PDB file of N, CA and C in Angstrom:
ATOM      1  N   PHE A   1       0.867  -1.141  -0.006  1.00  0.00           N
ATOM      2  CA  PHE A   1      -0.062   0.108  -0.035  1.00  0.00           C
ATOM      3  C   PHE A   1       0.844   1.269  -0.015  1.00  0.00           C
ATOM      4  N   ALA A   2       0.443   2.187  -0.795  1.00  0.00           N
ATOM      5  CA  ALA A   2       1.167   3.452  -0.737  1.00  0.00           C
ATOM      6  C   ALA A   2       0.580   4.451   0.169  1.00  0.00           C
ATOM      7  N   THR A   3       1.302   5.312   0.904  1.00  0.00           N
ATOM      8  CA  THR A   3       0.845   6.336   1.743  1.00  0.00           C
ATOM      9  C   THR A   3       0.589   7.546   1.039  1.00  0.00           C
ATOM     10  N   LEU A   4      -0.579   8.068   1.316  1.00  0.00           N
ATOM     11  CA  LEU A   4      -0.952   9.380   0.689  1.00  0.00           C
ATOM     12  C   LEU A   4      -1.008  10.397   1.734  1.00  0.00           C
ATOM     13  N   TYR A   5      -0.378  11.487   1.422  1.00  0.00           N
ATOM     14  CA  TYR A   5      -0.229  12.645   2.408  1.00  0.00           C
ATOM     15  C   TYR A   5      -1.277  13.760   1.756  1.00  0.00           C
ATOM     16  N   ALA A   6      -2.288  14.108   2.545  1.00  0.00           N
ATOM     17  CA  ALA A   6      -3.292  15.002   2.075  1.00  0.00           C
ATOM     18  C   ALA A   6      -3.688  15.946   3.258  1.00  0.00           C
ATOM     19  N   PRO A   7      -3.023  16.996   3.602  1.00  0.00           N
ATOM     20  CA  PRO A   7      -3.456  17.850   4.714  1.00  0.00           C
ATOM     21  C   PRO A   7      -4.813  18.325   4.655  1.00  0.00           C
ATOM     22  N   LEU A   8      -5.516  18.480   5.697  1.00  0.00           N
ATOM     23  CA  LEU A   8      -6.891  18.929   5.604  1.00  0.00           C
ATOM     24  C   LEU A   8      -7.010  20.480   5.639  1.00  0.00           C
ATOM     25  N   PHE A   9      -5.981  21.092   6.118  1.00  0.00           N
ATOM     26  CA  PHE A   9      -5.975  22.578   6.144  1.00  0.00           C
ATOM     27  C   PHE A   9      -4.596  23.110   6.171  1.00  0.00           C
ATOM     28  N   ASP A  10      -4.456  24.389   5.888  1.00  0.00           N
ATOM     29  CA  ASP A  10      -3.180  25.114   5.941  1.00  0.00           C
ATOM     30  C   ASP A  10      -3.157  26.007   7.179  1.00  0.00           C
ATOM     31  N   ILE A  11      -2.068  26.239   7.725  1.00  0.00           N
ATOM     32  CA  ILE A  11      -2.070  27.183   8.923  1.00  0.00           C
ATOM     33  C   ILE A  11      -1.393  28.427   8.375  1.00  0.00           C
ATOM     34  N   GLU A  12      -2.074  29.570   8.579  1.00  0.00           N
ATOM     35  CA  GLU A  12      -1.569  30.907   8.145  1.00  0.00           C
ATOM     36  C   GLU A  12      -1.732  31.864   9.186  1.00  0.00           C
ATOM     37  N   LYS A  13      -0.929  32.948   9.112  1.00  0.00           N
ATOM     38  CA  LYS A  13      -1.072  34.033  10.090  1.00  0.00           C
ATOM     39  C   LYS A  13      -2.365  34.686  10.008  1.00  0.00           C
ATOM     40  N   GLY A  14      -2.908  35.219  11.106  1.00  0.00           N
ATOM     41  CA  GLY A  14      -4.178  35.856  11.080  1.00  0.00           C
ATOM     42  C   GLY A  14      -4.080  37.330  10.504  1.00  0.00           C
ATOM     43  N   ARG A  15      -5.114  37.881  10.157  1.00  0.00           N
ATOM     44  CA  ARG A  15      -5.078  39.265   9.581  1.00  0.00           C
ATOM     45  C   ARG A  15      -4.805  40.349  10.689  1.00  0.00           C
ATOM     46  N   GLU A  16      -5.114  39.937  11.842  1.00  0.00           N
ATOM     47  CA  GLU A  16      -4.823  40.905  12.998  1.00  0.00           C
ATOM     48  C   GLU A  16      -3.485  40.789  13.631  1.00  0.00           C
ATOM     49  N   LEU A  17      -2.523  39.947  13.138  1.00  0.00           N
ATOM     50  CA  LEU A  17      -1.315  39.720  13.667  1.00  0.00           C
ATOM     51  C   LEU A  17      -0.430  41.001  13.728  1.00  0.00           C
ATOM     52  N   ASN A  18      -0.517  41.875  12.756  1.00  0.00           N
ATOM     53  CA  ASN A  18       0.248  43.030  12.829  1.00  0.00           C
ATOM     54  C   ASN A  18      -0.110  44.035  13.945  1.00  0.00           C
ATOM     55  N   GLN A  19      -1.270  43.768  14.593  1.00  0.00           N
ATOM     56  CA  GLN A  19      -1.626  44.537  15.717  1.00  0.00           C
ATOM     57  C   GLN A  19      -1.013  44.048  16.939  1.00  0.00           C
ATOM     58  N   LEU A  20      -0.377  43.017  16.965  1.00  0.00           N
ATOM     59  CA  LEU A  20       0.195  42.373  18.206  1.00  0.00           C
ATOM     60  C   LEU A  20       1.111  43.307  18.931  1.00  0.00           C
ATOM     61  N   PRO A  21       2.155  43.899  18.273  1.00  0.00           N
ATOM     62  CA  PRO A  21       3.052  44.809  19.002  1.00  0.00           C
ATOM     63  C   PRO A  21       2.337  45.842  19.757  1.00  0.00           C
ATOM     64  N   THR A  22       1.450  46.539  19.142  1.00  0.00           N
ATOM     65  CA  THR A  22       0.628  47.561  19.951  1.00  0.00           C
ATOM     66  C   THR A  22      -0.119  46.974  21.110  1.00  0.00           C
ATOM     67  N   LEU A  23      -0.793  45.923  20.829  1.00  0.00           N
ATOM     68  CA  LEU A  23      -1.502  45.222  21.977  1.00  0.00           C
ATOM     69  C   LEU A  23      -0.723  44.887  23.089  1.00  0.00           C
ATOM     70  N   LEU A  24       0.499  44.267  22.784  1.00  0.00           N
ATOM     71  CA  LEU A  24       1.483  43.934  23.901  1.00  0.00           C
ATOM     72  C   LEU A  24       1.994  45.055  24.585  1.00  0.00           C
ATOM     73  N   GLN A  25       2.193  46.215  23.922  1.00  0.00           N
ATOM     74  CA  GLN A  25       2.736  47.395  24.601  1.00  0.00           C
ATOM     75  C   GLN A  25       1.680  48.045  25.474  1.00  0.00           C
ATOM     76  N   ASN A  26       0.385  47.850  25.129  1.00  0.00           N
ATOM     77  CA  ASN A  26      -0.775  48.481  25.997  1.00  0.00           C
ATOM     78  C   ASN A  26      -1.036  47.619  27.171  1.00  0.00           C
ATOM     79  N   LEU A  27      -0.486  46.416  27.247  1.00  0.00           N
ATOM     80  CA  LEU A  27      -0.800  45.577  28.522  1.00  0.00           C
ATOM     81  C   LEU A  27      -0.203  46.215  29.674  1.00  0.00           C
ATOM     82  N   GLN A  28      -0.879  45.922  30.881  1.00  0.00           N
ATOM     83  CA  GLN A  28      -0.310  46.481  32.191  1.00  0.00           C
ATOM     84  C   GLN A  28       0.727  45.433  32.717  1.00  0.00           C
ATOM     85  N   SER A  29       1.655  45.849  33.473  1.00  0.00           N
ATOM     86  CA  SER A  29       2.560  44.967  34.057  1.00  0.00           C
ATOM     87  C   SER A  29       1.796  43.934  34.829  1.00  0.00           C
ATOM     88  N   GLY A  30       2.193  42.697  34.727  1.00  0.00           N
ATOM     89  CA  GLY A  30       1.508  41.411  35.365  1.00  0.00           C
ATOM     90  C   GLY A  30       0.425  40.817  34.612  1.00  0.00           C
ATOM     91  N   ASP A  31      -0.004  41.489  33.482  1.00  0.00           N
ATOM     92  CA  ASP A  31      -0.936  40.921  32.636  1.00  0.00           C
ATOM     93  C   ASP A  31      -0.505  39.570  32.117  1.00  0.00           C
ATOM     94  N   TYR A  32      -1.465  38.826  31.647  1.00  0.00           N
ATOM     95  CA  TYR A  32      -1.138  37.522  30.962  1.00  0.00           C
ATOM     96  C   TYR A  32      -1.173  37.489  29.487  1.00  0.00           C
ATOM     97  N   VAL A  33      -0.336  36.727  28.910  1.00  0.00           N
ATOM     98  CA  VAL A  33      -0.321  36.628  27.493  1.00  0.00           C
ATOM     99  C   VAL A  33      -0.508  34.927  27.148  1.00  0.00           C
ATOM    100  N   PHE A  34      -1.609  34.641  26.518  1.00  0.00           N
ATOM    101  CA  PHE A  34      -1.785  33.212  26.288  1.00  0.00           C
ATOM    102  C   PHE A  34      -1.501  32.869  24.818  1.00  0.00           C
ATOM    103  N   ALA A  35      -0.760  31.702  24.768  1.00  0.00           N
ATOM    104  CA  ALA A  35      -0.433  31.227  23.363  1.00  0.00           C
ATOM    105  C   ALA A  35      -1.103  29.832  23.215  1.00  0.00           C
ATOM    106  N   VAL A  36      -1.800  29.735  22.130  1.00  0.00           N
ATOM    107  CA  VAL A  36      -2.676  28.619  21.860  1.00  0.00           C
ATOM    108  C   VAL A  36      -2.011  27.515  21.014  1.00  0.00           C
ATOM    109  N   SER A  37      -0.827  27.772  20.408  1.00  0.00           N
ATOM    110  CA  SER A  37      -0.144  26.755  19.577  1.00  0.00           C
ATOM    111  C   SER A  37       1.295  27.198  19.243  1.00  0.00           C
ATOM    112  N   LYS A  38       2.171  26.214  18.876  1.00  0.00           N
ATOM    113  CA  LYS A  38       3.494  26.626  18.442  1.00  0.00           C
ATOM    114  C   LYS A  38       3.419  27.550  17.260  1.00  0.00           C
ATOM    115  N   ASN A  39       2.454  27.261  16.317  1.00  0.00           N
ATOM    116  CA  ASN A  39       2.392  28.155  15.174  1.00  0.00           C
ATOM    117  C   ASN A  39       2.118  29.619  15.541  1.00  0.00           C
ATOM    118  N   ALA A  40       1.224  29.780  16.478  1.00  0.00           N
ATOM    119  CA  ALA A  40       0.891  31.117  16.978  1.00  0.00           C
ATOM    120  C   ALA A  40       1.998  31.692  17.423  1.00  0.00           C
ATOM    121  N   ILE A  41       2.915  31.028  18.269  1.00  0.00           N
ATOM    122  CA  ILE A  41       4.095  31.543  18.845  1.00  0.00           C
ATOM    123  C   ILE A  41       5.064  31.879  17.814  1.00  0.00           C
ATOM    124  N   VAL A  42       5.386  31.074  16.847  1.00  0.00           N
ATOM    125  CA  VAL A  42       6.245  31.356  15.668  1.00  0.00           C
ATOM    126  C   VAL A  42       5.882  32.650  14.980  1.00  0.00           C
ATOM    127  N   TYR A  43       4.547  32.780  14.552  1.00  0.00           N
ATOM    128  CA  TYR A  43       4.154  33.938  13.913  1.00  0.00           C
ATOM    129  C   TYR A  43       4.249  35.211  14.757  1.00  0.00           C
ATOM    130  N   ALA A  44       3.893  35.187  16.019  1.00  0.00           N
ATOM    131  CA  ALA A  44       3.982  36.339  16.973  1.00  0.00           C
ATOM    132  C   ALA A  44       5.423  36.705  17.166  1.00  0.00           C
ATOM    133  N   ASP A  45       6.345  35.812  17.323  1.00  0.00           N
ATOM    134  CA  ASP A  45       7.728  36.062  17.531  1.00  0.00           C
ATOM    135  C   ASP A  45       8.333  36.741  16.244  1.00  0.00           C
ATOM    136  N   GLN A  46       7.893  36.305  15.202  1.00  0.00           N
ATOM    137  CA  GLN A  46       8.296  36.851  13.962  1.00  0.00           C
ATOM    138  C   GLN A  46       8.094  38.277  13.717  1.00  0.00           C
ATOM    139  N   VAL A  47       6.782  38.590  14.022  1.00  0.00           N
ATOM    140  CA  VAL A  47       6.317  40.021  13.970  1.00  0.00           C
ATOM    141  C   VAL A  47       7.084  40.855  14.895  1.00  0.00           C
ATOM    142  N   LEU A  48       7.342  40.417  16.068  1.00  0.00           N
ATOM    143  CA  LEU A  48       8.075  41.196  17.048  1.00  0.00           C
ATOM    144  C   LEU A  48       9.501  41.410  16.659  1.00  0.00           C
ATOM    145  N   LYS A  49      10.176  40.358  16.177  1.00  0.00           N
ATOM    146  CA  LYS A  49      11.518  40.490  15.796  1.00  0.00           C
ATOM    147  C   LYS A  49      11.732  41.338  14.511  1.00  0.00           C
ATOM    148  N   ASN A  50      10.789  41.279  13.649  1.00  0.00           N
ATOM    149  CA  ASN A  50      10.796  42.141  12.403  1.00  0.00           C
ATOM    150  C   ASN A  50      10.889  43.600  12.708  1.00  0.00           C
ATOM    151  N   ILE A  51      10.283  44.007  13.916  1.00  0.00           N
ATOM    152  CA  ILE A  51      10.336  45.479  14.163  1.00  0.00           C
ATOM    153  C   ILE A  51      11.168  45.803  15.302  1.00  0.00           C
ATOM    154  N   GLY A  52      12.035  44.754  15.714  1.00  0.00           N
ATOM    155  CA  GLY A  52      13.114  45.018  16.771  1.00  0.00           C
ATOM    156  C   GLY A  52      12.483  45.103  18.174  1.00  0.00           C
ATOM    157  N   LEU A  53      11.390  44.407  18.464  1.00  0.00           N
ATOM    158  CA  LEU A  53      10.808  44.382  19.801  1.00  0.00           C
ATOM    159  C   LEU A  53      11.107  42.906  20.380  1.00  0.00           C
ATOM    160  N   HIS A  54      11.066  42.876  21.750  1.00  0.00           N
ATOM    161  CA  HIS A  54      11.288  41.650  22.485  1.00  0.00           C
ATOM    162  C   HIS A  54      10.019  41.433  23.298  1.00  0.00           C
ATOM    163  N   TRP A  55       9.988  40.208  23.773  1.00  0.00           N
ATOM    164  CA  TRP A  55       8.961  39.775  24.697  1.00  0.00           C
ATOM    165  C   TRP A  55       9.103  40.431  26.057  1.00  0.00           C
ATOM    166  N   ARG A  56       8.049  41.074  26.519  1.00  0.00           N
ATOM    167  CA  ARG A  56       8.291  41.946  27.873  1.00  0.00           C
ATOM    168  C   ARG A  56       8.463  40.946  28.963  1.00  0.00           C
ATOM    169  N   SER A  57       9.446  41.462  29.943  1.00  0.00           N
ATOM    170  CA  SER A  57       9.750  40.570  31.017  1.00  0.00           C
ATOM    171  C   SER A  57       8.766  40.873  32.189  1.00  0.00           C
ATOM    172  N   ASP A  58       7.882  41.819  32.119  1.00  0.00           N
ATOM    173  CA  ASP A  58       6.941  42.178  33.232  1.00  0.00           C
ATOM    174  C   ASP A  58       5.668  41.623  33.024  1.00  0.00           C
ATOM    175  N   LEU A  59       5.498  40.712  31.972  1.00  0.00           N
ATOM    176  CA  LEU A  59       4.188  39.971  31.698  1.00  0.00           C
ATOM    177  C   LEU A  59       4.305  38.554  32.085  1.00  0.00           C
ATOM    178  N   ASN A  60       3.055  37.963  32.246  1.00  0.00           N
ATOM    179  CA  ASN A  60       3.001  36.532  32.655  1.00  0.00           C
ATOM    180  C   ASN A  60       2.578  35.708  31.326  1.00  0.00           C
ATOM    181  N   TYR A  61       3.382  34.635  30.988  1.00  0.00           N
ATOM    182  CA  TYR A  61       3.066  34.006  29.814  1.00  0.00           C
ATOM    183  C   TYR A  61       2.480  32.597  30.105  1.00  0.00           C
ATOM    184  N   PHE A  62       1.535  32.251  29.314  1.00  0.00           N
ATOM    185  CA  PHE A  62       0.755  30.912  29.603  1.00  0.00           C
ATOM    186  C   PHE A  62       0.583  30.330  28.188  1.00  0.00           C
ATOM    187  N   ALA A  63       0.657  29.007  28.270  1.00  0.00           N
ATOM    188  CA  ALA A  63       0.360  28.142  27.057  1.00  0.00           C
ATOM    189  C   ALA A  63      -0.490  27.007  27.325  1.00  0.00           C
ATOM    190  N   VAL A  64      -1.239  26.621  26.267  1.00  0.00           N
ATOM    191  CA  VAL A  64      -2.218  25.591  26.494  1.00  0.00           C
ATOM    192  C   VAL A  64      -1.713  24.185  26.732  1.00  0.00           C
ATOM    193  N   GLY A  65      -0.459  23.881  26.462  1.00  0.00           N
ATOM    194  CA  GLY A  65       0.150  22.581  26.639  1.00  0.00           C
ATOM    195  C   GLY A  65       1.504  22.639  26.953  1.00  0.00           C
ATOM    196  N   ARG A  66       2.067  21.566  27.452  1.00  0.00           N
ATOM    197  CA  ARG A  66       3.504  21.550  27.858  1.00  0.00           C
ATOM    198  C   ARG A  66       4.461  21.832  26.767  1.00  0.00           C
ATOM    199  N   ARG A  67       4.353  21.238  25.575  1.00  0.00           N
ATOM    200  CA  ARG A  67       5.305  21.350  24.512  1.00  0.00           C
ATOM    201  C   ARG A  67       5.205  22.819  23.988  1.00  0.00           C
ATOM    202  N   SER A  68       4.020  23.389  23.881  1.00  0.00           N
ATOM    203  CA  SER A  68       3.919  24.762  23.553  1.00  0.00           C
ATOM    204  C   SER A  68       4.478  25.676  24.540  1.00  0.00           C
ATOM    205  N   ALA A  69       4.294  25.369  25.852  1.00  0.00           N
ATOM    206  CA  ALA A  69       4.968  26.120  26.831  1.00  0.00           C
ATOM    207  C   ALA A  69       6.475  26.036  26.823  1.00  0.00           C
ATOM    208  N   GLU A  70       7.004  24.926  26.626  1.00  0.00           N
ATOM    209  CA  GLU A  70       8.441  24.727  26.458  1.00  0.00           C
ATOM    210  C   GLU A  70       9.104  25.663  25.323  1.00  0.00           C
ATOM    211  N   TYR A  71       8.292  25.510  24.183  1.00  0.00           N
ATOM    212  CA  TYR A  71       8.736  26.291  22.997  1.00  0.00           C
ATOM    213  C   TYR A  71       8.603  27.864  23.336  1.00  0.00           C
ATOM    214  N   PHE A  72       7.541  28.232  23.888  1.00  0.00           N
ATOM    215  CA  PHE A  72       7.216  29.640  24.147  1.00  0.00           C
ATOM    216  C   PHE A  72       8.322  30.104  25.074  1.00  0.00           C
ATOM    217  N   SER A  73       8.630  29.340  26.097  1.00  0.00           N
ATOM    218  CA  SER A  73       9.730  29.799  27.051  1.00  0.00           C
ATOM    219  C   SER A  73      11.017  29.991  26.341  1.00  0.00           C
ATOM    220  N   ALA A  74      11.431  29.061  25.386  1.00  0.00           N
ATOM    221  CA  ALA A  74      12.645  29.114  24.668  1.00  0.00           C
ATOM    222  C   ALA A  74      12.702  30.446  23.859  1.00  0.00           C
ATOM    223  N   VAL A  75      11.512  30.751  23.270  1.00  0.00           N
ATOM    224  CA  VAL A  75      11.489  31.900  22.404  1.00  0.00           C
ATOM    225  C   VAL A  75      11.501  33.234  23.133  1.00  0.00           C
ATOM    226  N   THR A  76      10.807  33.223  24.262  1.00  0.00           N
ATOM    227  CA  THR A  76      10.627  34.477  24.991  1.00  0.00           C
ATOM    228  C   THR A  76      11.815  34.626  26.024  1.00  0.00           C
ATOM    229  N   ASP A  77      12.380  33.589  26.312  1.00  0.00           N
ATOM    230  CA  ASP A  77      13.504  33.595  27.356  1.00  0.00           C
ATOM    231  C   ASP A  77      12.807  34.031  28.699  1.00  0.00           C
ATOM    232  N   HIS A  78      11.610  33.702  28.969  1.00  0.00           N
ATOM    233  CA  HIS A  78      10.935  33.918  30.186  1.00  0.00           C
ATOM    234  C   HIS A  78      10.127  32.550  30.581  1.00  0.00           C
ATOM    235  N   PRO A  79       9.788  32.427  31.867  1.00  0.00           N
ATOM    236  CA  PRO A  79       9.017  31.289  32.269  1.00  0.00           C
ATOM    237  C   PRO A  79       7.579  31.339  31.686  1.00  0.00           C
ATOM    238  N   VAL A  80       7.074  30.191  31.296  1.00  0.00           N
ATOM    239  CA  VAL A  80       5.739  30.093  30.709  1.00  0.00           C
ATOM    240  C   VAL A  80       5.072  28.956  31.477  1.00  0.00           C
ATOM    241  N   LEU A  81       3.875  29.379  31.988  1.00  0.00           N
ATOM    242  CA  LEU A  81       3.007  28.402  32.706  1.00  0.00           C
ATOM    243  C   LEU A  81       2.189  27.653  31.768  1.00  0.00           C
ATOM    244  N   TYR A  82       1.728  26.414  32.223  1.00  0.00           N
ATOM    245  CA  TYR A  82       0.734  25.738  31.476  1.00  0.00           C
ATOM    246  C   TYR A  82      -0.056  24.750  32.407  1.00  0.00           C
ATOM    247  N   PRO A  83      -1.337  24.304  32.043  1.00  0.00           N
ATOM    248  CA  PRO A  83      -2.050  23.545  32.852  1.00  0.00           C
ATOM    249  C   PRO A  83      -1.572  22.165  33.195  1.00  0.00           C
TER     250      PRO A  83
END
């Protein structure tokens, strides 16, 4: 039998992604940032790096799973909580 690879969907950045830097800058110290997937983290980090911004150290970061949290922590260089 031959294996057929046929993805059901493509993952693309959202239309609102370019608003992320402004939204992050408007957060209060101690606010939470939630990441829902590794792909979301990749796209968000790319946007911030493209304009020379870094992940803020005064925010709390949370991911929906352990692997996403580990990746998010590596990207932000900050602790990331997960359930």
